Amino acid sequence: MLCSNVRLLMILLLSAPYDGIAIIVEIKVADTYAQLNKKAESALDQIEQKQYDAELKLEGYHEFIKYGISFYKKLCKVLCI
């Protein structure tokens, strides 16, 4: 359950280790419509800066799909690298 005051969230989806695929999703909430793109970019930057994939690489994961998602009311912006 998410509370209305939650400002960010990270989700990690993993395949079986021998498949080596991991999906990393960082979610942020924008305060205005104009911030949607900036917050999605910030989410992707956070994935890279905090090296969310580093430990997964040690576990044998080698393919990473990274999503930065931001929400403003019922709208969202999704970026992927």
N, C-alpha and C. Protein backbone atom coordinates (compact mmCIF):
# COMPACT_ATOMS: atom_id res chain seq x y z
N MET A 1 0.85 -1.18 0.00
CA MET A 1 0.00 0.00 0.00
C MET A 1 0.89 1.24 0.00
N LEU A 2 0.56 2.19 -0.86
CA LEU A 2 1.30 3.44 -0.92
C LEU A 2 0.53 4.54 -0.22
N CYS A 3 1.21 5.31 0.57
CA CYS A 3 0.59 6.46 1.24
C CYS A 3 0.65 7.67 0.31
N SER A 4 -0.23 8.61 0.50
CA SER A 4 -0.27 9.79 -0.36
C SER A 4 0.96 10.67 -0.21
N ASN A 5 1.70 10.52 0.87
CA ASN A 5 2.88 11.36 1.05
C ASN A 5 4.17 10.69 0.57
N VAL A 6 4.07 9.54 -0.07
CA VAL A 6 5.25 8.87 -0.62
C VAL A 6 5.74 9.68 -1.81
N ARG A 7 7.03 9.99 -1.84
CA ARG A 7 7.59 10.85 -2.88
C ARG A 7 8.41 10.08 -3.90
N LEU A 8 8.86 8.87 -3.58
CA LEU A 8 9.63 8.10 -4.54
C LEU A 8 9.55 6.62 -4.20
N LEU A 9 9.88 5.80 -5.20
CA LEU A 9 9.78 4.37 -5.03
C LEU A 9 10.73 3.69 -6.01
N MET A 10 11.36 2.60 -5.61
CA MET A 10 12.22 1.83 -6.50
C MET A 10 11.68 0.41 -6.57
N ILE A 11 11.61 -0.14 -7.79
CA ILE A 11 11.14 -1.50 -8.01
C ILE A 11 12.23 -2.26 -8.73
N LEU A 12 12.43 -3.51 -8.36
CA LEU A 12 13.43 -4.36 -8.99
C LEU A 12 12.77 -5.66 -9.41
N LEU A 13 12.84 -5.99 -10.71
CA LEU A 13 12.29 -7.23 -11.24
C LEU A 13 13.44 -8.05 -11.79
N LEU A 14 13.56 -9.30 -11.36
CA LEU A 14 14.69 -10.13 -11.75
C LEU A 14 14.23 -11.39 -12.45
N SER A 15 14.94 -11.76 -13.52
CA SER A 15 14.72 -13.06 -14.14
C SER A 15 15.48 -14.10 -13.31
N ALA A 16 15.40 -15.34 -13.71
CA ALA A 16 16.25 -16.34 -13.07
C ALA A 16 17.70 -15.93 -13.32
N PRO A 17 18.58 -16.12 -12.34
CA PRO A 17 19.96 -15.66 -12.49
C PRO A 17 20.65 -16.14 -13.76
N TYR A 18 20.34 -17.34 -14.21
CA TYR A 18 21.00 -17.84 -15.42
C TYR A 18 20.55 -17.12 -16.67
N ASP A 19 19.40 -16.45 -16.65
CA ASP A 19 18.97 -15.62 -17.78
C ASP A 19 19.70 -14.28 -17.75
N GLY A 20 20.01 -13.78 -16.56
CA GLY A 20 20.83 -12.59 -16.40
C GLY A 20 20.16 -11.27 -16.72
N ILE A 21 18.83 -11.20 -16.67
CA ILE A 21 18.12 -9.97 -17.02
C ILE A 21 17.51 -9.36 -15.76
N ALA A 22 17.74 -8.06 -15.58
CA ALA A 22 17.16 -7.34 -14.44
C ALA A 22 16.52 -6.05 -14.94
N ILE A 23 15.35 -5.75 -14.41
CA ILE A 23 14.65 -4.50 -14.72
C ILE A 23 14.65 -3.66 -13.45
N ILE A 24 15.18 -2.45 -13.58
CA ILE A 24 15.25 -1.53 -12.45
C ILE A 24 14.34 -0.35 -12.75
N VAL A 25 13.42 -0.06 -11.85
CA VAL A 25 12.46 1.02 -12.04
C VAL A 25 12.56 1.98 -10.86
N GLU A 26 12.83 3.23 -11.15
CA GLU A 26 12.84 4.28 -10.12
C GLU A 26 11.65 5.19 -10.41
N ILE A 27 10.83 5.43 -9.41
CA ILE A 27 9.60 6.20 -9.58
C ILE A 27 9.66 7.44 -8.69
N LYS A 28 9.29 8.56 -9.27
CA LYS A 28 9.26 9.83 -8.52
C LYS A 28 7.93 10.54 -8.78
N VAL A 29 7.58 11.42 -7.86
CA VAL A 29 6.35 12.21 -7.98
C VAL A 29 6.74 13.65 -8.27
N ALA A 30 6.14 14.22 -9.32
CA ALA A 30 6.38 15.62 -9.68
C ALA A 30 5.36 16.51 -8.98
N ASP A 31 5.77 17.71 -8.65
CA ASP A 31 4.87 18.67 -8.01
C ASP A 31 4.03 19.43 -9.03
N THR A 32 4.52 19.48 -10.29
CA THR A 32 3.80 20.18 -11.36
C THR A 32 3.94 19.38 -12.65
N TYR A 33 3.08 19.68 -13.61
CA TYR A 33 3.16 19.03 -14.92
C TYR A 33 4.50 19.33 -15.58
N ALA A 34 4.99 20.54 -15.42
CA ALA A 34 6.24 20.96 -16.04
C ALA A 34 7.44 20.16 -15.53
N GLN A 35 7.33 19.57 -14.37
CA GLN A 35 8.44 18.80 -13.78
C GLN A 35 8.49 17.34 -14.22
N LEU A 36 7.49 16.88 -14.97
CA LEU A 36 7.42 15.45 -15.31
C LEU A 36 8.70 14.93 -15.94
N ASN A 37 9.17 15.58 -17.00
CA ASN A 37 10.35 15.11 -17.71
C ASN A 37 11.59 15.18 -16.81
N LYS A 38 11.74 16.29 -16.10
CA LYS A 38 12.90 16.47 -15.23
C LYS A 38 12.95 15.40 -14.14
N LYS A 39 11.82 15.07 -13.56
CA LYS A 39 11.77 14.05 -12.50
C LYS A 39 12.07 12.66 -13.06
N ALA A 40 11.59 12.35 -14.27
CA ALA A 40 11.89 11.06 -14.89
C ALA A 40 13.38 10.95 -15.19
N GLU A 41 13.97 12.04 -15.69
CA GLU A 41 15.42 12.05 -15.93
C GLU A 41 16.18 11.90 -14.61
N SER A 42 15.69 12.55 -13.58
CA SER A 42 16.31 12.46 -12.26
C SER A 42 16.27 11.02 -11.74
N ALA A 43 15.18 10.33 -12.01
CA ALA A 43 15.05 8.93 -11.59
C ALA A 43 16.10 8.07 -12.29
N LEU A 44 16.30 8.27 -13.59
CA LEU A 44 17.33 7.52 -14.32
C LEU A 44 18.72 7.87 -13.80
N ASP A 45 18.95 9.14 -13.55
CA ASP A 45 20.25 9.57 -13.00
C ASP A 45 20.52 8.89 -11.65
N GLN A 46 19.49 8.78 -10.83
CA GLN A 46 19.65 8.15 -9.51
C GLN A 46 20.04 6.68 -9.65
N ILE A 47 19.44 5.99 -10.61
CA ILE A 47 19.79 4.58 -10.85
C ILE A 47 21.27 4.46 -11.16
N GLU A 48 21.78 5.38 -12.00
CA GLU A 48 23.19 5.34 -12.39
C GLU A 48 24.10 5.78 -11.23
N GLN A 49 23.76 6.88 -10.58
CA GLN A 49 24.62 7.42 -9.52
C GLN A 49 24.74 6.48 -8.32
N LYS A 50 23.63 5.86 -7.96
CA LYS A 50 23.64 4.96 -6.80
C LYS A 50 24.02 3.53 -7.19
N GLN A 51 24.30 3.33 -8.46
CA GLN A 51 24.76 2.04 -8.98
C GLN A 51 23.88 0.88 -8.51
N TYR A 52 22.58 1.01 -8.77
CA TYR A 52 21.65 -0.03 -8.37
C TYR A 52 21.98 -1.38 -9.01
N ASP A 53 22.72 -1.36 -10.12
CA ASP A 53 23.04 -2.60 -10.81
C ASP A 53 24.34 -3.26 -10.32
N ALA A 54 25.12 -2.59 -9.50
CA ALA A 54 26.44 -3.09 -9.10
C ALA A 54 26.37 -4.46 -8.41
N GLU A 55 25.53 -4.59 -7.42
CA GLU A 55 25.42 -5.86 -6.70
C GLU A 55 24.83 -6.94 -7.60
N LEU A 56 23.92 -6.54 -8.48
CA LEU A 56 23.31 -7.51 -9.39
C LEU A 56 24.34 -8.07 -10.36
N LYS A 57 25.29 -7.25 -10.77
CA LYS A 57 26.37 -7.73 -11.65
C LYS A 57 27.16 -8.83 -10.95
N LEU A 58 27.41 -8.66 -9.67
CA LEU A 58 28.13 -9.67 -8.90
C LEU A 58 27.35 -10.97 -8.78
N GLU A 59 26.02 -10.87 -8.88
CA GLU A 59 25.16 -12.06 -8.80
C GLU A 59 24.98 -12.73 -10.16
N GLY A 60 25.60 -12.17 -11.20
CA GLY A 60 25.54 -12.79 -12.52
C GLY A 60 24.60 -12.14 -13.52
N TYR A 61 23.93 -11.08 -13.12
CA TYR A 61 23.05 -10.38 -14.06
C TYR A 61 23.91 -9.52 -14.98
N HIS A 62 23.58 -9.52 -16.26
CA HIS A 62 24.42 -8.81 -17.23
C HIS A 62 23.62 -7.91 -18.16
N GLU A 63 22.32 -8.08 -18.20
CA GLU A 63 21.47 -7.23 -19.05
C GLU A 63 20.52 -6.45 -18.16
N PHE A 64 20.56 -5.12 -18.29
CA PHE A 64 19.75 -4.27 -17.42
C PHE A 64 18.85 -3.37 -18.25
N ILE A 65 17.59 -3.34 -17.89
CA ILE A 65 16.63 -2.42 -18.48
C ILE A 65 16.26 -1.46 -17.36
N LYS A 66 16.49 -0.18 -17.59
CA LYS A 66 16.32 0.81 -16.53
C LYS A 66 15.24 1.82 -16.92
N TYR A 67 14.26 1.99 -16.04
CA TYR A 67 13.16 2.92 -16.28
C TYR A 67 13.17 4.02 -15.23
N GLY A 68 12.98 5.24 -15.68
CA GLY A 68 12.73 6.37 -14.81
C GLY A 68 11.30 6.83 -15.07
N ILE A 69 10.48 6.79 -14.06
CA ILE A 69 9.06 7.13 -14.22
C ILE A 69 8.71 8.24 -13.24
N SER A 70 7.99 9.24 -13.75
CA SER A 70 7.49 10.29 -12.86
C SER A 70 5.99 10.42 -13.05
N PHE A 71 5.32 10.79 -11.97
CA PHE A 71 3.88 10.97 -11.97
C PHE A 71 3.51 12.37 -11.52
N TYR A 72 2.49 12.91 -12.17
CA TYR A 72 1.85 14.14 -11.70
C TYR A 72 0.35 13.91 -11.86
N LYS A 73 -0.34 13.82 -10.77
CA LYS A 73 -1.77 13.49 -10.75
C LYS A 73 -1.97 12.18 -11.51
N LYS A 74 -2.76 12.19 -12.61
CA LYS A 74 -2.99 10.96 -13.37
C LYS A 74 -2.10 10.85 -14.60
N LEU A 75 -1.14 11.75 -14.72
CA LEU A 75 -0.23 11.75 -15.86
C LEU A 75 1.10 11.13 -15.45
N CYS A 76 1.80 10.56 -16.43
CA CYS A 76 3.13 10.04 -16.13
C CYS A 76 4.05 10.23 -17.32
N LYS A 77 5.33 10.19 -17.04
CA LYS A 77 6.39 10.26 -18.05
C LYS A 77 7.29 9.06 -17.79
N VAL A 78 7.57 8.28 -18.85
CA VAL A 78 8.41 7.10 -18.73
C VAL A 78 9.61 7.25 -19.64
N LEU A 79 10.81 7.12 -19.08
CA LEU A 79 12.06 7.13 -19.84
C LEU A 79 12.77 5.81 -19.59
N CYS A 80 13.48 5.33 -20.60
CA CYS A 80 14.15 4.03 -20.49
C CYS A 80 15.55 4.10 -21.09
N ILE A 81 16.51 3.44 -20.43
CA ILE A 81 17.85 3.27 -21.01
C ILE A 81 18.25 1.82 -20.88
